[in-house]
Amino acid sequence: MSRAREQAASELFAAVYPRLAGWCRRLVDDETAHEIASEAFTRLWARWTAVDEPRGFLYVTAANLVRDHWRKQERERRAVRRAGVEAAVRPQEQEADPSVRMLVQALPERLRVPILLHYYADMPIREVSLLTGRKEGTVMSDLHAARELLRAHLRRSLDHTL
């Protein structure tokens, strides 16, 4: 990597890493958040010259890594239940994994990424549009569709518990 590229990479890391790790921390535990943010940067460095929008690449990569982490956790929970050792699952882990998070995880990527960026990373629609390469109207439409799906799933869940 040339000196100029190294400087640009260093500046990007200093400017984006704290916010990216903080955003991840809203979705996963602290240690995992730092691992995910670091992995997103590692993947960016591997494609440094081919990525047009590094910040967008980082957030989309982190969103995908968070989803992968959630999936892995869910697979592990299912394996524990199948093995009949439900007591081994700590109650605080179950409480930290609310149904809304699981519903967001289940959304198609086209809807999940804007939800994560807009609502979890507190990014304005304009910024989500830039990061995802979609028009603002498309982002707003995707957010609306995602909210409607989440609302319908939550209503069904509430109906089953009553």
Protein backbone atom coordinates (compact mmCIF):
# COMPACT_ATOMS: atom_id res chain seq x y z
CA MET A 1 0.00 0.00 0.00
CA SER A 2 1.41 3.41 -0.93
CA ARG A 3 2.05 6.04 1.72
CA ALA A 4 -0.95 8.11 0.57
CA ARG A 5 -3.24 5.07 0.74
CA GLU A 6 -1.90 4.14 4.17
CA GLN A 7 -2.63 7.67 5.37
CA ALA A 8 -6.16 7.58 3.89
CA ALA A 9 -6.80 4.17 5.48
CA SER A 10 -5.52 5.39 8.83
CA GLU A 11 -7.72 8.49 8.70
CA LEU A 12 -10.76 6.43 7.73
CA PHE A 13 -10.15 4.04 10.60
CA ALA A 14 -9.80 6.88 13.12
CA ALA A 15 -12.94 8.59 11.82
CA VAL A 16 -15.25 5.59 11.40
CA TYR A 17 -14.17 2.78 13.76
CA PRO A 18 -15.52 4.26 17.02
CA ARG A 19 -18.96 4.93 15.54
CA LEU A 20 -19.06 1.57 13.73
CA ALA A 21 -18.09 -0.33 16.90
CA GLY A 22 -20.66 1.69 18.88
CA TRP A 23 -23.34 0.85 16.36
CA CYS A 24 -22.43 -2.84 16.55
CA ARG A 25 -22.50 -2.63 20.36
CA ARG A 26 -26.22 -1.80 20.15
CA LEU A 27 -26.79 -5.15 18.47
CA VAL A 28 -24.30 -7.50 20.14
CA ASP A 29 -22.10 -7.64 23.23
CA ASP A 30 -19.08 -5.33 23.54
CA GLU A 31 -16.39 -7.88 22.64
CA THR A 32 -18.31 -9.15 19.62
CA ALA A 33 -18.98 -5.57 18.50
CA HIS A 34 -15.26 -4.84 18.34
CA GLU A 35 -14.61 -8.14 16.55
CA ILE A 36 -17.25 -7.33 13.95
CA ALA A 37 -16.02 -3.76 13.42
CA SER A 38 -12.45 -5.02 13.08
CA GLU A 39 -13.49 -7.73 10.64
CA ALA A 40 -15.38 -5.18 8.54
CA PHE A 41 -12.19 -3.11 8.26
CA THR A 42 -10.14 -6.22 7.46
CA ARG A 43 -12.51 -7.02 4.60
CA LEU A 44 -12.32 -3.42 3.41
CA TRP A 45 -8.50 -3.45 3.38
CA ALA A 46 -8.57 -6.61 1.27
CA ARG A 47 -10.61 -4.75 -1.36
CA TRP A 48 -9.31 -1.23 -0.66
CA THR A 49 -8.72 -0.21 -4.29
CA ALA A 50 -11.97 -1.74 -5.57
CA VAL A 51 -14.40 -0.13 -3.09
CA ASP A 52 -15.95 3.16 -4.19
CA GLU A 53 -17.72 3.98 -0.90
CA PRO A 54 -15.63 2.62 2.01
CA ARG A 55 -17.98 3.83 4.76
CA GLY A 56 -20.99 2.19 3.13
CA PHE A 57 -19.00 -0.98 2.57
CA LEU A 58 -18.09 -1.04 6.27
CA TYR A 59 -21.66 -0.64 7.53
CA VAL A 60 -23.17 -3.13 5.10
CA THR A 61 -20.39 -5.63 5.92
CA ALA A 62 -20.92 -5.08 9.66
CA ALA A 63 -24.70 -5.54 9.24
CA ASN A 64 -24.08 -8.84 7.49
CA LEU A 65 -21.60 -9.94 10.17
CA VAL A 66 -24.12 -9.07 12.90
CA ARG A 67 -26.75 -11.13 11.07
CA ASP A 68 -24.30 -14.04 10.83
CA HIS A 69 -23.59 -13.73 14.56
CA TRP A 70 -27.31 -13.78 15.38
CA ARG A 71 -27.80 -16.83 13.17
CA LYS A 72 -24.93 -18.63 14.87
CA GLN A 73 -26.38 -17.82 18.29
CA GLU A 74 -29.77 -19.12 17.23
CA ARG A 75 -28.25 -22.35 15.87
CA GLU A 76 -26.40 -22.81 19.16
CA ARG A 77 -29.59 -22.24 21.17
CA ARG A 78 -31.46 -24.79 19.06
CA ALA A 79 -28.67 -27.32 19.52
CA VAL A 80 -28.78 -26.83 23.28
CA ARG A 81 -32.56 -27.30 23.33
CA ARG A 82 -32.31 -30.41 21.16
CA ALA A 83 -29.74 -31.85 23.52
CA GLY A 84 -32.18 -31.36 26.38
CA VAL A 85 -30.00 -29.06 28.42
CA GLU A 86 -32.26 -26.01 28.42
CA ALA A 87 -31.00 -25.10 31.88
CA ALA A 88 -27.54 -24.40 30.42
CA VAL A 89 -28.90 -21.35 28.59
CA ARG A 90 -28.50 -18.36 30.88
CA PRO A 91 -31.75 -16.39 31.35
CA GLN A 92 -30.06 -13.01 30.82
CA GLU A 93 -28.96 -14.11 27.34
CA GLN A 94 -32.55 -14.90 26.44
CA GLU A 95 -33.72 -11.54 27.78
CA ALA A 96 -31.02 -9.74 25.80
CA ASP A 97 -32.34 -11.32 22.60
CA PRO A 98 -35.79 -9.72 22.20
CA SER A 99 -38.23 -10.93 19.60
CA VAL A 100 -37.93 -7.68 17.62
CA ARG A 101 -34.24 -8.37 17.02
CA MET A 102 -35.07 -11.85 15.79
CA LEU A 103 -37.75 -10.42 13.50
CA VAL A 104 -35.29 -7.85 12.09
CA GLN A 105 -32.81 -10.67 11.51
CA ALA A 106 -35.43 -12.59 9.55
CA LEU A 107 -36.12 -9.68 7.16
CA PRO A 108 -34.77 -9.99 3.62
CA GLU A 109 -31.42 -8.18 3.27
CA ARG A 110 -33.02 -5.52 1.04
CA LEU A 111 -35.21 -4.51 4.01
CA ARG A 112 -32.91 -5.45 6.90
CA VAL A 113 -29.93 -3.27 5.95
CA PRO A 114 -31.94 0.00 5.77
CA ILE A 115 -33.64 -0.84 9.10
CA LEU A 116 -30.28 -1.45 10.78
CA LEU A 117 -28.68 1.68 9.32
CA HIS A 118 -31.64 4.02 9.89
CA TYR A 119 -33.00 2.85 13.24
CA TYR A 120 -30.01 1.21 14.91
CA ALA A 121 -27.25 3.45 13.55
CA ASP A 122 -29.45 6.58 13.62
CA MET A 123 -28.54 7.49 10.06
CA PRO A 124 -30.81 9.84 8.12
CA ILE A 125 -32.52 8.46 5.03
CA ARG A 126 -30.23 10.50 2.78
CA GLU A 127 -27.17 8.83 4.30
CA VAL A 128 -28.73 5.36 4.10
CA SER A 129 -29.45 6.11 0.44
CA LEU A 130 -25.81 7.00 -0.20
CA LEU A 131 -24.46 3.99 1.69
CA THR A 132 -26.72 1.47 -0.01
CA GLY A 133 -26.65 3.05 -3.46
CA ARG A 134 -30.46 3.28 -3.54
CA LYS A 135 -32.66 6.31 -4.18
CA GLU A 136 -34.11 8.01 -1.10
CA GLY A 137 -37.64 7.10 -2.21
CA THR A 138 -36.63 3.45 -2.47
CA VAL A 139 -35.09 3.55 1.01
CA MET A 140 -38.27 5.11 2.43
CA SER A 141 -40.37 2.47 0.65
CA ASP A 142 -38.13 -0.34 1.98
CA LEU A 143 -38.35 1.08 5.52
CA HIS A 144 -42.13 1.23 5.23
CA ALA A 145 -42.33 -2.34 3.95
CA ALA A 146 -40.03 -3.55 6.73
CA ARG A 147 -42.08 -1.77 9.41
CA GLU A 148 -45.28 -3.30 8.02
CA LEU A 149 -43.77 -6.79 8.08
CA LEU A 150 -42.48 -6.28 11.63
CA ARG A 151 -45.86 -4.88 12.74
CA ALA A 152 -47.71 -7.88 11.28
CA HIS A 153 -45.32 -10.37 12.92
CA LEU A 154 -45.58 -8.60 16.28
CA ARG A 155 -49.40 -8.59 16.11
CA ARG A 156 -49.41 -12.31 15.39
CA SER A 157 -47.02 -12.91 18.29
CA LEU A 158 -49.21 -10.90 20.65
CA ASP A 159 -52.35 -12.69 19.48
CA HIS A 160 -50.70 -16.05 20.26
CA THR A 161 -49.70 -14.97 23.78
CA LEU A 162 -53.15 -13.65 24.72
